[in-house]
Protein backbone atom coordinates (compact mmCIF):
# COMPACT_ATOMS: atom_id res chain seq x y z
CA UNK A 1 160.68 33.79 155.56
CA UNK A 2 157.32 35.45 156.23
CA UNK A 3 154.66 33.04 157.41
CA UNK A 4 150.99 33.84 157.06
CA UNK A 5 148.51 31.81 159.09
CA UNK A 6 146.15 29.70 156.90
CA UNK A 7 142.95 31.18 158.45
CA UNK A 8 144.12 34.74 157.79
CA UNK A 9 145.08 33.83 154.19
CA UNK A 10 141.66 32.28 153.58
CA UNK A 11 139.98 35.43 154.97
CA UNK A 12 142.10 37.66 152.70
CA UNK A 13 141.25 35.58 149.58
CA UNK A 14 137.51 35.70 150.44
CA UNK A 15 137.63 39.51 150.92
CA UNK A 16 139.49 40.08 147.64
CA UNK A 17 137.07 37.84 145.71
CA UNK A 18 134.12 39.83 147.09
CA UNK A 19 135.78 43.13 146.08
CA UNK A 20 136.47 41.93 142.53
CA UNK A 21 132.90 40.66 142.17
CA UNK A 22 131.53 43.98 143.39
CA UNK A 23 133.77 45.99 141.00
CA UNK A 24 132.57 43.86 138.09
CA UNK A 25 128.90 44.10 139.13
CA UNK A 26 128.65 47.92 139.37
CA UNK A 27 129.51 48.76 135.69
CA UNK A 28 127.23 45.97 134.51
CA UNK A 29 124.37 47.40 136.54
CA UNK A 30 125.12 50.92 135.26
CA UNK A 31 124.96 49.66 131.66
CA UNK A 32 121.69 47.87 132.38
CA UNK A 33 120.29 51.05 133.97
CA UNK A 34 121.22 53.18 130.94
CA UNK A 35 119.64 50.66 128.56
CA UNK A 36 116.52 50.53 130.70
CA UNK A 37 116.14 54.34 130.75
CA UNK A 38 116.49 54.48 126.94
CA UNK A 39 113.84 51.80 126.61
CA UNK A 40 111.56 53.65 129.04
CA UNK A 41 111.86 56.84 126.95
CA UNK A 42 110.67 54.98 123.85
CA UNK A 43 107.81 53.43 125.80
CA UNK A 44 106.78 56.82 127.24
CA UNK A 45 106.63 58.47 123.81
CA UNK A 46 104.55 55.55 122.58
CA UNK A 47 102.42 55.84 125.70
CA UNK A 48 101.84 59.58 125.00
CA UNK A 49 100.50 58.65 121.57
CA UNK A 50 98.30 55.90 123.04
CA UNK A 51 97.10 58.27 125.78
CA UNK A 52 96.09 60.78 123.13
CA UNK A 53 94.02 58.10 121.39
CA UNK A 54 92.34 57.21 124.71
CA UNK A 55 91.71 60.90 125.50
CA UNK A 56 90.21 61.45 122.03
CA UNK A 57 87.92 58.43 122.34
CA UNK A 58 86.87 59.26 125.92
CA UNK A 59 86.29 62.94 125.09
CA UNK A 60 84.12 62.19 122.04
CA UNK A 61 81.95 59.94 124.19
CA UNK A 62 81.82 62.61 126.93
CA UNK A 63 80.66 65.29 124.45
CA UNK A 64 78.03 62.92 123.07
CA UNK A 65 76.87 62.01 126.60
CA UNK A 66 76.72 65.68 127.61
CA UNK A 67 74.49 66.61 124.64
CA UNK A 68 72.35 63.49 125.16
CA UNK A 69 71.89 64.40 128.84
CA UNK A 70 70.70 67.86 127.80
CA UNK A 71 68.15 66.30 125.43
CA UNK A 72 67.04 63.92 128.20
CA UNK A 73 66.49 66.86 130.56
CA UNK A 74 64.55 68.73 127.84
CA UNK A 75 62.30 65.67 127.50
CA UNK A 76 61.68 65.89 131.24
CA UNK A 77 60.10 69.35 130.84
CA UNK A 78 57.68 67.85 128.29
CA UNK A 79 56.23 65.71 131.10
CA UNK A 80 54.73 68.82 132.73
CA UNK A 81 51.07 68.83 131.58
CA UNK A 82 50.79 72.57 132.31
CA UNK A 83 53.11 73.30 129.36
CA UNK A 84 50.38 71.97 127.06
CA UNK A 85 47.66 74.18 128.53
CA UNK A 86 46.49 77.47 127.05
CA UNK A 87 49.09 79.60 128.81
CA UNK A 88 51.21 82.48 127.57
CA UNK A 89 54.89 81.91 126.74
CA UNK A 90 55.83 84.03 129.78
CA UNK A 91 53.81 81.75 132.06
CA UNK A 92 55.29 78.61 130.50
CA UNK A 93 58.92 79.78 130.84
CA UNK A 94 58.24 80.54 134.54
CA UNK A 95 57.07 76.92 134.98
CA UNK A 96 60.31 75.69 133.40
CA UNK A 97 62.50 77.96 135.56
CA UNK A 98 60.71 76.67 138.67
CA UNK A 99 61.64 73.07 137.76
CA UNK A 100 64.84 71.82 139.55
CA UNK A 101 66.12 70.39 136.24
CA UNK A 102 66.39 73.95 134.89
CA UNK A 103 69.69 74.35 136.77
CA UNK A 104 71.29 72.00 134.19
CA UNK A 105 71.16 74.69 131.49
CA UNK A 106 72.90 78.06 131.10
CA UNK A 107 70.00 79.37 129.01
CA UNK A 108 66.71 77.85 127.83
CA UNK A 109 63.73 79.13 125.81
CA UNK A 110 60.28 78.05 124.66
CA UNK A 111 58.58 78.90 121.35
CA UNK A 112 55.09 78.54 119.94
CA UNK A 113 54.35 77.15 116.47
CA UNK A 114 54.50 80.66 114.96
CA UNK A 115 58.17 80.98 115.97
CA UNK A 116 57.59 83.47 118.79
CA UNK A 117 60.00 82.64 121.61
CA UNK A 118 60.96 83.84 125.08
CA UNK A 119 64.17 83.01 126.92
CA UNK A 120 64.72 82.10 130.55
CA UNK A 121 66.02 85.62 131.19
CA UNK A 122 62.77 87.13 129.87
CA UNK A 123 63.91 88.25 126.38
CA UNK A 124 61.33 87.84 123.61
CA UNK A 125 62.58 87.09 120.06
CA UNK A 126 61.56 85.29 116.86
CA UNK A 127 63.00 82.07 115.44
CA UNK A 128 60.45 81.54 112.67
CA UNK A 129 63.15 81.67 109.98
CA UNK A 130 65.60 79.35 111.76
CA UNK A 131 66.10 75.94 110.09
CA UNK A 132 66.29 74.14 113.43
CA UNK A 133 62.86 75.55 114.39
CA UNK A 134 61.26 74.39 111.16
CA UNK A 135 62.68 70.88 111.64
CA UNK A 136 61.61 70.70 115.30
CA UNK A 137 58.13 71.95 114.37
CA UNK A 138 57.88 68.92 112.07
CA UNK A 139 58.65 66.61 115.02
CA UNK A 140 62.44 66.18 114.75
CA UNK A 141 64.98 66.56 117.56
CA UNK A 142 67.65 68.95 116.23
CA UNK A 143 71.16 70.17 117.11
CA UNK A 144 71.97 73.29 115.07
CA UNK A 145 75.20 74.45 113.49
CA UNK A 146 76.93 77.40 115.18
CA UNK A 147 74.93 80.54 114.49
CA UNK A 148 74.72 84.14 115.68
CA UNK A 149 72.58 84.57 118.79
CA UNK A 150 69.74 87.07 118.54
CA UNK A 151 69.76 87.84 122.24
CA UNK A 152 73.46 87.56 123.25
CA UNK A 153 75.02 90.38 121.18
CA UNK A 154 75.52 88.12 118.18
CA UNK A 155 77.72 85.59 120.02
CA UNK A 156 78.10 82.17 118.41
CA UNK A 157 75.82 79.52 119.95
CA UNK A 158 74.69 75.94 119.31
CA UNK A 159 70.97 75.28 119.83
CA UNK A 160 69.33 71.99 120.83
CA UNK A 161 65.66 71.96 119.81
CA UNK A 162 63.04 69.44 120.99
CA UNK A 163 59.38 69.38 119.90
CA UNK A 164 56.75 69.66 122.66
CA UNK A 165 54.10 67.00 122.09
CA UNK A 166 50.58 66.64 123.43
CA UNK A 167 48.64 63.54 122.37
CA UNK A 168 51.08 63.03 119.53
CA UNK A 169 50.68 66.60 118.23
CA UNK A 170 53.52 69.14 118.26
CA UNK A 171 52.39 72.15 120.36
CA UNK A 172 55.64 74.09 120.60
CA UNK A 173 59.44 73.84 120.71
CA UNK A 174 61.87 73.75 123.66
CA UNK A 175 65.31 75.31 123.07
CA UNK A 176 68.61 75.06 124.97
CA UNK A 177 71.69 77.02 123.86
CA UNK A 178 75.40 76.58 124.55
CA UNK A 179 78.47 78.54 123.45
CA UNK A 180 80.60 76.17 121.26
CA UNK A 181 83.88 77.12 122.92
CA UNK A 182 82.51 76.13 126.35
CA UNK A 183 82.32 72.51 125.19
CA UNK A 184 85.98 72.27 124.19
CA UNK A 185 87.48 74.56 126.88
CA UNK A 186 85.90 72.60 129.74
CA UNK A 187 87.50 69.40 128.47
CA UNK A 188 90.85 70.89 127.35
CA UNK A 189 91.69 72.10 130.87
CA UNK A 190 91.37 68.54 132.18
CA UNK A 191 94.36 67.20 130.23
CA UNK A 192 98.08 68.09 130.01
CA UNK A 193 97.57 71.35 131.97
CA UNK A 194 95.35 72.74 129.21
CA UNK A 195 98.02 72.34 126.49
CA UNK A 196 95.93 69.95 124.37
CA UNK A 197 94.00 71.53 121.51
CA UNK A 198 90.44 70.25 120.98
CA UNK A 199 88.48 70.97 117.78
CA UNK A 200 84.95 69.90 116.81
CA UNK A 201 84.16 69.85 113.08
CA UNK A 202 81.39 68.86 110.66
CA UNK A 203 81.70 66.11 107.99
CA UNK A 204 83.37 68.54 105.58
CA UNK A 205 86.00 69.62 108.14
CA UNK A 206 84.33 72.97 108.98
CA UNK A 207 85.41 73.96 112.51
CA UNK A 208 82.45 74.31 114.89
CA UNK A 209 84.42 74.91 118.07
CA UNK A 210 88.00 74.95 119.32
CA UNK A 211 89.57 75.21 122.76
CA UNK A 212 91.24 78.47 123.80
CA UNK A 213 94.76 77.07 123.30
CA UNK A 214 97.40 79.62 122.22
CA UNK A 215 97.98 80.18 119.36
CA UNK A 216 94.39 79.88 118.09
CA UNK A 217 93.77 78.30 114.68
CA UNK A 218 92.52 81.03 112.32
CA UNK A 219 91.37 78.65 109.58
CA UNK A 220 87.64 77.92 109.36
CA UNK A 221 88.24 74.36 108.11
CA UNK A 222 90.78 71.92 109.58
CA UNK A 223 91.63 70.63 106.10
CA UNK A 224 93.04 74.09 105.26
CA UNK A 225 95.97 73.33 107.60
CA UNK A 226 97.16 70.60 105.21
CA UNK A 227 96.75 72.13 101.72
CA UNK A 228 100.52 72.38 101.15
CA UNK A 229 101.92 69.70 98.76
CA UNK A 230 104.00 68.03 101.49
CA UNK A 231 100.78 67.26 103.41
CA UNK A 232 99.00 65.53 100.50
CA UNK A 233 99.14 62.08 102.14
CA UNK A 234 97.92 63.45 105.50
CA UNK A 235 95.12 65.37 103.72
CA UNK A 236 93.92 62.19 102.01
CA UNK A 237 93.94 60.30 105.32
CA UNK A 238 91.89 63.05 107.00
CA UNK A 239 89.36 63.20 104.16
CA UNK A 240 88.96 59.42 104.23
CA UNK A 241 88.59 59.44 108.04
CA UNK A 242 85.89 62.14 107.92
CA UNK A 243 83.98 60.42 105.11
CA UNK A 244 84.11 56.92 106.65
CA UNK A 245 84.02 58.10 110.32
CA UNK A 246 87.14 55.97 110.93
CA UNK A 247 89.37 56.99 113.91
CA UNK A 248 93.01 57.70 113.09
CA UNK A 249 96.21 59.02 114.69
CA UNK A 250 99.14 60.60 112.83
CA UNK A 251 102.27 62.74 113.29
CA UNK A 252 103.05 65.92 111.34
CA UNK A 253 105.27 69.01 111.45
CA UNK A 254 104.35 72.67 110.96
CA UNK A 255 106.46 75.77 111.55
CA UNK A 256 109.39 73.55 112.66
CA UNK A 257 107.28 72.01 115.42
CA UNK A 258 106.07 68.43 115.67
CA UNK A 259 102.52 67.43 116.61
CA UNK A 260 100.48 64.31 117.27
CA UNK A 261 96.90 64.46 115.91
CA UNK A 262 94.12 62.07 116.90
CA UNK A 263 90.69 61.98 115.22
CA UNK A 264 87.52 60.32 116.58
CA UNK A 265 83.89 60.65 115.31
CA UNK A 266 81.35 61.71 117.95
CA UNK A 267 78.76 58.87 117.97
CA UNK A 268 75.24 60.28 117.65
CA UNK A 269 72.38 60.06 115.15
CA UNK A 270 71.23 63.67 115.76
CA UNK A 271 74.39 65.48 114.63
CA UNK A 272 77.41 64.69 112.43
CA UNK A 273 80.26 66.02 114.61
CA UNK A 274 83.91 64.96 114.67
CA UNK A 275 86.59 65.51 117.36
CA UNK A 276 90.24 66.35 116.68
CA UNK A 277 92.81 66.41 119.51
CA UNK A 278 96.29 67.87 118.87
CA UNK A 279 99.26 67.46 121.24
CA UNK A 280 102.59 69.28 120.62
CA UNK A 281 105.58 66.93 120.72
CA UNK A 282 107.31 69.45 122.98
CA UNK A 283 104.67 68.88 125.67
CA UNK A 284 104.97 65.11 125.38
CA UNK A 285 108.78 65.31 125.53
CA UNK A 286 108.70 67.67 128.52
CA UNK A 287 106.48 65.27 130.41
CA UNK A 288 108.64 62.37 129.23
CA UNK A 289 111.85 64.06 130.44
CA UNK A 290 110.32 64.64 133.88
CA UNK A 291 109.46 60.96 134.11
CA UNK A 292 112.90 59.98 132.78
CA UNK A 293 114.65 62.08 135.41
CA UNK A 294 112.63 60.41 138.12
CA UNK A 295 113.23 57.02 136.49
CA UNK A 296 116.98 57.65 136.32
CA UNK A 297 117.07 58.46 140.03
CA UNK A 298 115.04 55.37 140.80
CA UNK A 299 117.23 53.19 138.55
CA UNK A 300 120.44 54.31 140.25
CA UNK A 301 118.81 53.87 143.64
CA UNK A 302 117.89 50.35 142.55
CA UNK A 303 121.49 49.76 141.38
CA UNK A 304 122.81 50.86 144.75
CA UNK A 305 120.28 48.72 146.55
CA UNK A 306 121.11 45.72 144.34
CA UNK A 307 124.79 46.17 145.10
CA UNK A 308 124.06 46.21 148.81
CA UNK A 309 121.75 43.23 148.44
CA UNK A 310 124.43 41.37 146.47
CA UNK A 311 126.91 41.86 149.28
CA UNK A 312 124.24 40.94 151.77
CA UNK A 313 123.53 37.70 149.90
CA UNK A 314 127.19 36.73 149.93
CA UNK A 315 127.38 37.33 153.67
CA UNK A 316 124.16 35.79 154.80
CA UNK A 317 121.73 33.99 152.49
CA UNK A 318 119.20 33.44 155.24
CA UNK A 319 119.01 37.14 156.09
CA UNK A 320 118.58 37.93 152.39
CA UNK A 321 115.59 35.62 152.09
CA UNK A 322 114.05 37.23 155.15
CA UNK A 323 114.56 40.66 153.61
CA UNK A 324 112.75 39.56 150.44
CA UNK A 325 109.85 38.33 152.54
CA UNK A 326 109.65 41.70 154.27
CA UNK A 327 109.76 43.50 150.90
CA UNK A 328 106.97 41.30 149.54
CA UNK A 329 104.95 41.94 152.69
CA UNK A 330 105.31 45.68 152.22
CA UNK A 331 104.16 45.39 148.58
CA UNK A 332 101.01 43.57 149.68
CA UNK A 333 100.30 46.20 152.33
CA UNK A 334 100.53 48.96 149.70
CA UNK A 335 98.33 47.06 147.19
CA UNK A 336 95.67 46.43 149.80
CA UNK A 337 95.30 50.01 151.05
CA UNK A 338 92.84 50.90 148.28
CA UNK A 339 89.12 50.15 148.53
CA UNK A 340 89.18 48.90 144.93
CA UNK A 341 90.00 45.24 144.31
CA UNK A 342 93.34 44.60 142.59
CA UNK A 343 93.71 41.27 140.77
CA UNK A 344 96.61 39.53 139.02
CA UNK A 345 95.98 36.49 136.81
CA UNK A 346 99.11 34.58 135.75
CA UNK A 347 98.07 32.93 132.47
CA UNK A 348 101.17 30.72 132.29
CA UNK A 349 100.43 29.09 135.67
CA UNK A 350 96.67 29.80 135.75
CA UNK A 351 96.97 31.23 139.27
CA UNK A 352 95.16 34.30 140.56
CA UNK A 353 95.79 36.87 143.24
CA UNK A 354 93.05 39.13 144.63
CA UNK A 355 93.69 41.87 147.18
CA UNK A 356 91.93 41.56 150.55
CA UNK A 357 89.43 44.20 149.41
CA UNK A 358 87.63 41.27 147.73
CA UNK A 359 86.87 39.66 151.10
CA UNK A 360 85.85 43.03 152.57
CA UNK A 361 83.40 43.60 149.71
CA UNK A 362 81.94 40.14 149.12
CA UNK A 363 82.80 38.26 152.36
CA UNK A 364 83.49 35.15 150.28
CA UNK A 365 86.56 33.57 148.69
CA UNK A 366 87.59 34.73 145.18
CA UNK A 367 87.81 32.15 142.34
CA UNK A 368 91.02 30.10 142.41
CA UNK A 369 90.74 28.84 138.81
CA UNK A 370 88.99 31.35 136.56
CA UNK A 371 88.89 28.98 133.55
CA UNK A 372 86.92 26.31 135.45
CA UNK A 373 84.89 28.49 137.84
CA UNK A 374 81.10 28.23 137.46
CA UNK A 375 80.62 31.91 138.47
CA UNK A 376 77.62 31.02 140.62
CA UNK A 377 78.06 34.29 142.53
CA UNK A 378 77.35 36.30 139.35
CA UNK A 379 73.95 37.48 138.17
CA UNK A 380 72.95 34.80 135.66
CA UNK A 381 72.39 37.23 132.79
CA UNK A 382 75.97 38.57 133.19
CA UNK A 383 77.75 35.20 133.05
CA UNK A 384 77.90 35.05 129.20
CA UNK A 385 79.36 38.59 129.15
CA UNK A 386 82.16 37.64 131.56
CA UNK A 387 82.93 34.34 129.78
CA UNK A 388 83.14 36.16 126.43
CA UNK A 389 85.50 38.73 127.96
CA UNK A 390 87.73 35.97 129.41
CA UNK A 391 87.81 34.11 126.08
CA UNK A 392 89.01 37.27 124.31
CA UNK A 393 91.61 38.14 126.97
CA UNK A 394 93.29 34.71 127.06
CA UNK A 395 93.76 34.90 123.26
CA UNK A 396 95.45 38.30 123.57
CA UNK A 397 92.60 40.62 122.60
CA UNK A 398 92.53 43.77 124.75
CA UNK A 399 88.97 44.73 125.67
CA UNK A 400 87.31 47.75 127.26
CA UNK A 401 86.13 47.76 130.85
CA UNK A 402 82.68 46.29 131.53
CA UNK A 403 80.11 45.98 134.32
CA UNK A 404 78.76 42.80 135.97
CA UNK A 405 76.61 42.14 139.02
CA UNK A 406 78.07 40.01 141.85
CA UNK A 407 76.20 38.47 144.78
CA UNK A 408 77.57 39.06 148.27
CA UNK A 409 77.38 36.65 151.20
CA UNK A 410 74.27 38.57 152.27
CA UNK A 411 72.55 37.51 149.02
CA UNK A 412 72.54 41.07 147.69
CA UNK A 413 73.87 42.03 144.28
CA UNK A 414 76.37 44.84 143.79
CA UNK A 415 77.42 46.20 140.42
CA UNK A 416 81.17 46.27 139.76
CA UNK A 417 83.28 47.58 136.89
CA UNK A 418 86.13 45.32 135.73
CA UNK A 419 89.07 47.09 134.04
CA UNK A 420 91.54 44.45 132.73
CA UNK A 421 94.99 45.12 131.25
CA UNK A 422 96.96 42.51 129.28
CA UNK A 423 100.68 41.96 129.81
CA UNK A 424 102.56 40.38 126.87
CA UNK A 425 105.95 38.67 126.61
CA UNK A 426 108.52 39.36 123.90
CA UNK A 427 106.70 36.98 121.52
CA UNK A 428 103.56 39.15 121.89
CA UNK A 429 101.79 36.37 123.75
CA UNK A 430 99.61 37.26 126.78
CA UNK A 431 101.16 36.09 130.03
CA UNK A 432 99.29 38.07 132.71
CA UNK A 433 96.04 39.96 133.17
CA UNK A 434 96.22 42.70 135.80
CA UNK A 435 93.32 44.94 136.63
CA UNK A 436 91.05 46.74 139.04
CA UNK A 437 87.50 45.91 140.16
CA UNK A 438 85.53 48.98 141.29
CA UNK A 439 82.15 49.11 143.02
CA UNK A 440 79.85 51.22 140.76
CA UNK A 441 76.55 50.31 142.43
CA UNK A 442 75.78 53.90 143.46
CA UNK A 443 76.38 55.18 139.92
CA UNK A 444 74.14 52.52 138.34
CA UNK A 445 71.36 53.17 140.88
CA UNK A 446 71.51 56.87 140.01
CA UNK A 447 71.21 56.06 136.30
CA UNK A 448 68.19 53.84 137.01
CA UNK A 449 66.63 56.57 139.16
CA UNK A 450 66.97 59.13 136.36
CA UNK A 451 65.49 56.68 133.85
CA UNK A 452 62.56 55.93 136.17
CA UNK A 453 61.84 59.64 136.58
CA UNK A 454 61.94 60.38 132.84
CA UNK A 455 60.16 57.25 131.52
CA UNK A 456 57.68 56.22 134.20
CA UNK A 457 54.65 57.82 135.83
CA UNK A 458 55.58 58.28 139.53
CA UNK A 459 52.15 57.38 140.90
CA UNK A 460 51.09 54.36 138.85
CA UNK A 461 54.63 53.12 138.10
CA UNK A 462 53.49 52.62 134.50
CA UNK A 463 55.15 54.06 131.41
CA UNK A 464 54.33 57.74 131.07
CA UNK A 465 52.44 58.96 128.00
CA UNK A 466 55.51 60.03 125.99
CA UNK A 467 57.49 56.84 126.67
CA UNK A 468 54.48 54.61 126.04
CA UNK A 469 53.77 56.35 122.73
CA UNK A 470 57.41 56.01 121.57
CA UNK A 471 57.50 52.32 122.50
CA UNK A 472 54.07 51.64 120.99
CA UNK A 473 55.01 53.30 117.69
CA UNK A 474 58.19 51.19 117.50
CA UNK A 475 56.20 48.03 118.33
CA UNK A 476 53.62 48.93 115.67
CA UNK A 477 56.35 49.47 113.06
CA UNK A 478 57.90 46.08 113.88
CA UNK A 479 54.50 44.36 113.77
CA UNK A 480 53.78 45.90 110.35
CA UNK A 481 57.16 44.76 108.99
CA UNK A 482 56.70 41.20 110.31
CA UNK A 483 52.95 41.07 109.53
CA UNK A 484 52.12 40.39 113.18
CA UNK A 485 48.86 41.36 114.94
CA UNK A 486 48.55 43.87 117.81
CA UNK A 487 45.75 45.05 120.07
CA UNK A 488 45.23 48.15 122.21
CA UNK A 489 42.95 48.40 125.26
CA UNK A 490 41.96 51.99 126.14
CA UNK A 491 40.93 51.80 129.83
CA UNK A 492 38.85 54.58 131.38
CA UNK A 493 38.02 54.44 135.12
CA UNK A 494 34.30 54.89 135.80
CA UNK A 495 33.33 57.79 138.13
CA UNK A 496 36.91 58.31 139.30
CA UNK A 497 36.07 61.75 140.69
CA UNK A 498 33.84 60.07 143.31
CA UNK A 499 36.91 58.50 144.92
CA UNK A 500 38.38 61.97 145.46
CA UNK A 501 35.06 63.52 146.49
CA UNK A 502 34.03 60.78 148.92
CA UNK A 503 37.36 59.65 150.36
CA UNK A 504 39.83 62.45 149.65
CA UNK A 505 42.64 62.94 147.15
CA UNK A 506 45.06 60.76 149.10
CA UNK A 507 42.76 57.79 148.54
CA UNK A 508 42.40 58.82 144.88
CA UNK A 509 46.19 58.51 144.59
CA UNK A 510 46.00 55.07 146.18
CA UNK A 511 43.43 54.06 143.56
CA UNK A 512 45.81 55.16 140.77
CA UNK A 513 48.59 53.13 142.41
CA UNK A 514 46.26 50.11 142.68
CA UNK A 515 45.27 50.41 139.01
CA UNK A 516 48.94 50.67 138.00
CA UNK A 517 49.75 47.50 139.96
CA UNK A 518 46.85 45.64 138.33
CA UNK A 519 47.85 46.73 134.83
CA UNK A 520 51.51 45.90 135.41
CA UNK A 521 50.62 42.37 136.55
CA UNK A 522 48.07 41.99 133.77
CA UNK A 523 50.42 43.11 130.96
CA UNK A 524 53.58 41.47 132.33
CA UNK A 525 53.63 38.49 129.93
CA UNK A 526 51.38 39.75 127.13
CA UNK A 527 52.57 43.31 126.38
CA UNK A 528 53.08 46.61 128.22
CA UNK A 529 50.93 49.34 129.78
CA UNK A 530 51.07 53.10 130.28
CA UNK A 531 49.18 55.97 131.88
CA UNK A 532 47.67 58.23 129.22
CA UNK A 533 46.20 60.92 131.50
CA UNK A 534 44.54 61.31 134.92
CA UNK A 535 42.14 58.32 134.90
CA UNK A 536 42.91 56.89 131.46
CA UNK A 537 45.31 54.04 130.74
CA UNK A 538 46.40 52.12 127.63
CA UNK A 539 47.56 48.50 127.27
CA UNK A 540 49.43 47.33 124.16
CA UNK A 541 48.88 43.56 123.73
CA UNK A 542 51.60 41.84 121.67
CA UNK A 543 50.95 38.17 122.56
CA UNK A 544 49.14 36.49 119.58
CA UNK A 545 47.20 34.04 121.81
CA UNK A 546 45.94 36.91 124.00
CA UNK A 547 44.94 38.91 120.91
CA UNK A 548 42.88 35.96 119.65
CA UNK A 549 41.13 35.88 123.04
CA UNK A 550 41.02 39.64 123.54
CA UNK A 551 37.46 39.74 124.92
CA UNK A 552 38.27 37.05 127.48
CA UNK A 553 41.39 38.82 128.80
CA UNK A 554 39.49 42.13 128.83
CA UNK A 555 36.89 40.55 131.14
CA UNK A 556 39.76 39.31 133.35
CA UNK A 557 41.24 42.81 133.55
CA UNK A 558 37.89 44.31 134.54
CA UNK A 559 37.53 41.61 137.18
CA UNK A 560 40.97 42.44 138.63
CA UNK A 561 40.05 46.10 138.90
CA UNK A 562 36.57 45.36 140.25
CA UNK A 563 38.09 43.38 143.14
CA UNK A 564 38.99 46.84 144.48
CA UNK A 565 40.80 48.00 147.61
CA UNK A 566 40.06 49.14 151.18
CA UNK A 567 39.68 52.82 152.00
CA UNK A 568 40.34 51.74 155.60
CA UNK A 569 41.19 48.26 156.83
CA UNK A 570 37.94 48.00 158.76
CA UNK A 571 35.82 48.96 155.70
CA UNK A 572 34.75 46.61 152.91
CA UNK A 573 36.61 46.81 149.62
CA UNK A 574 35.67 49.55 147.16
CA UNK A 575 35.35 48.31 143.58
CA UNK A 576 37.04 50.09 140.69
CA UNK A 577 34.81 50.04 137.62
CA UNK A 578 36.23 50.45 134.13
CA UNK A 579 35.04 51.00 130.58
CA UNK A 580 37.36 49.71 127.87
CA UNK A 581 37.67 50.39 124.15
CA UNK A 582 39.38 47.64 122.11
CA UNK A 583 41.05 47.92 118.71
CA UNK A 584 43.12 45.48 116.69
CA UNK A 585 45.92 46.02 114.21
CA UNK A 586 45.57 45.91 111.27
CA UNK A 587 41.78 45.42 111.26
CA UNK A 588 40.90 48.65 113.13
CA UNK A 589 43.58 50.90 111.66
CA UNK A 590 47.14 51.10 110.34
CA UNK A 591 48.67 54.00 112.31
CA UNK A 592 49.14 54.59 116.02
CA UNK A 593 47.13 57.80 116.03
CA UNK A 594 44.24 56.16 114.17
CA UNK A 595 44.16 53.13 116.48
CA UNK A 596 44.31 55.17 119.71
CA UNK A 597 41.60 57.54 118.48
CA UNK A 598 39.26 54.61 117.73
CA UNK A 599 40.09 52.91 121.04
CA UNK A 600 39.28 56.17 122.85
CA UNK A 601 35.96 56.37 121.00
CA UNK A 602 35.23 52.73 121.94
CA UNK A 603 35.87 53.51 125.60
CA UNK A 604 33.35 56.38 125.53
CA UNK A 605 30.80 54.16 123.76
CA UNK A 606 31.24 51.60 126.55
CA UNK A 607 30.62 54.34 129.13
CA UNK A 608 27.54 55.53 127.24
CA UNK A 609 26.18 51.99 127.17
CA UNK A 610 26.13 51.82 130.98
CA UNK A 611 29.79 51.67 132.12
CA UNK A 612 31.66 48.63 133.35
CA UNK A 613 31.66 47.33 129.77
CA UNK A 614 33.99 47.03 126.81
CA UNK A 615 33.49 47.96 123.17
CA UNK A 616 35.35 46.15 120.37
CA UNK A 617 35.72 48.04 117.11
């Protein structure tokens, strides 16, 4: 009889049990891996559709921003007072070319009121019969339809036209041209290796521009692609989307090929453009297959690792736990390598995780309980925005990214962009919010710098003439609608040239800066102020109590200015005298031009009466 020692038998049974368990585990894991890959493929195709929607929305905003930036730069040229002087078109275009902002444009031109124009490359031509010129001459900002260029061998161009204004009067027209295909090609090459097709159309579906994606669409109207009877439902959806400016995404087949089409209106009051983005299914599937192949490799690697881990657990539970700790430690190292702040909010437990980049940026602890945090480190005006965003997220509403200002331990505010993403369970209930916090302070400062340069006078720090006039006209329109009073103070500095003659132009600039500071402080709580020209300023008074006591506050303003400033610290102060014309709305006039003209006349009457006075019409 064969005798087997008990210890050896126990070891054999343990080894066999482990082998059976491993043999059973491997096919189960293979089945799970196959199911997971199939699920991933479905998610990736859905993600391609969602990505197309995001690309369409982002691109439409980018096109709108690009055209708006061009108009903003054109407005900058209008700030040059020399463009309003009696100069030839050749001299004016040279002034524009010399401006650093000219580099923004591929081609620019200037025209007089007769329609005679000259381009930045010195070509003279006429635009008197162009519709965009006639509209701009009447004071409208215009973006034209595609038309044949008169100086570029008949190539198709889109023209942006902006009226040049001087004292409210149109004195000429600034023009900037762009080839339509440049707009779409520049964006198309950014996505899917240039295999996306971008089209810009008008309200009626007429194609303005399309990207150079092969094969090109020969139709002149996008609706012509869907005139066949089998496309009747798609055609109705497109017509409704164009008419109501409602975004939509749909699938269709043509020439035995499938496509995903996404439509988004381009948001702008100047032009009625629409953006269509078309992605071939073959491109989406090719990209999906690449991801699936990588996913399959990763899944089988995971299966192998899980098998090894399973054996490892059976052998030594303590070592397994240590391995998990190491794995978690590695994950944290990877997540904390980026300068951006990664956060993870578990809604089921109300716990939060912030990467160490938070401490590096703010040198303070992140909030432990977001629902009860008082957000004292936030800029007070941004707290309602963040609380509204949190309220929407916890109820399952996905929101766009947004900016808030956060105070650091050094008591300085930085602007950050918060990009949250919701994670849902199988019941479609939100369970986690994962996202990224990015420092966008530099970008916001640049935006503020551009706004300051285009809207404010650099010397006085007051609104420049164009911005003041636009704001004053809007304020006047609101006051007329609400039957509210307004007042305008037209301030002229007495004998300003003596400051330059007696103390030099540098001191004259200091006087302008001093006047701007006085007017800013004076108008802070009662209205707003602007610089009209060299030594002339205008204050719009909107506060009813101040309007009722307009003569009293005018005396106060003259006293502020008269207090003066030092030419040198050792010298006594030099007074700044002023003569002021005062008008009231609606007593003195109904329109902006009428009121300013009378205020100007009042200022000159005050000067004629001996200066240092005011004149109320």
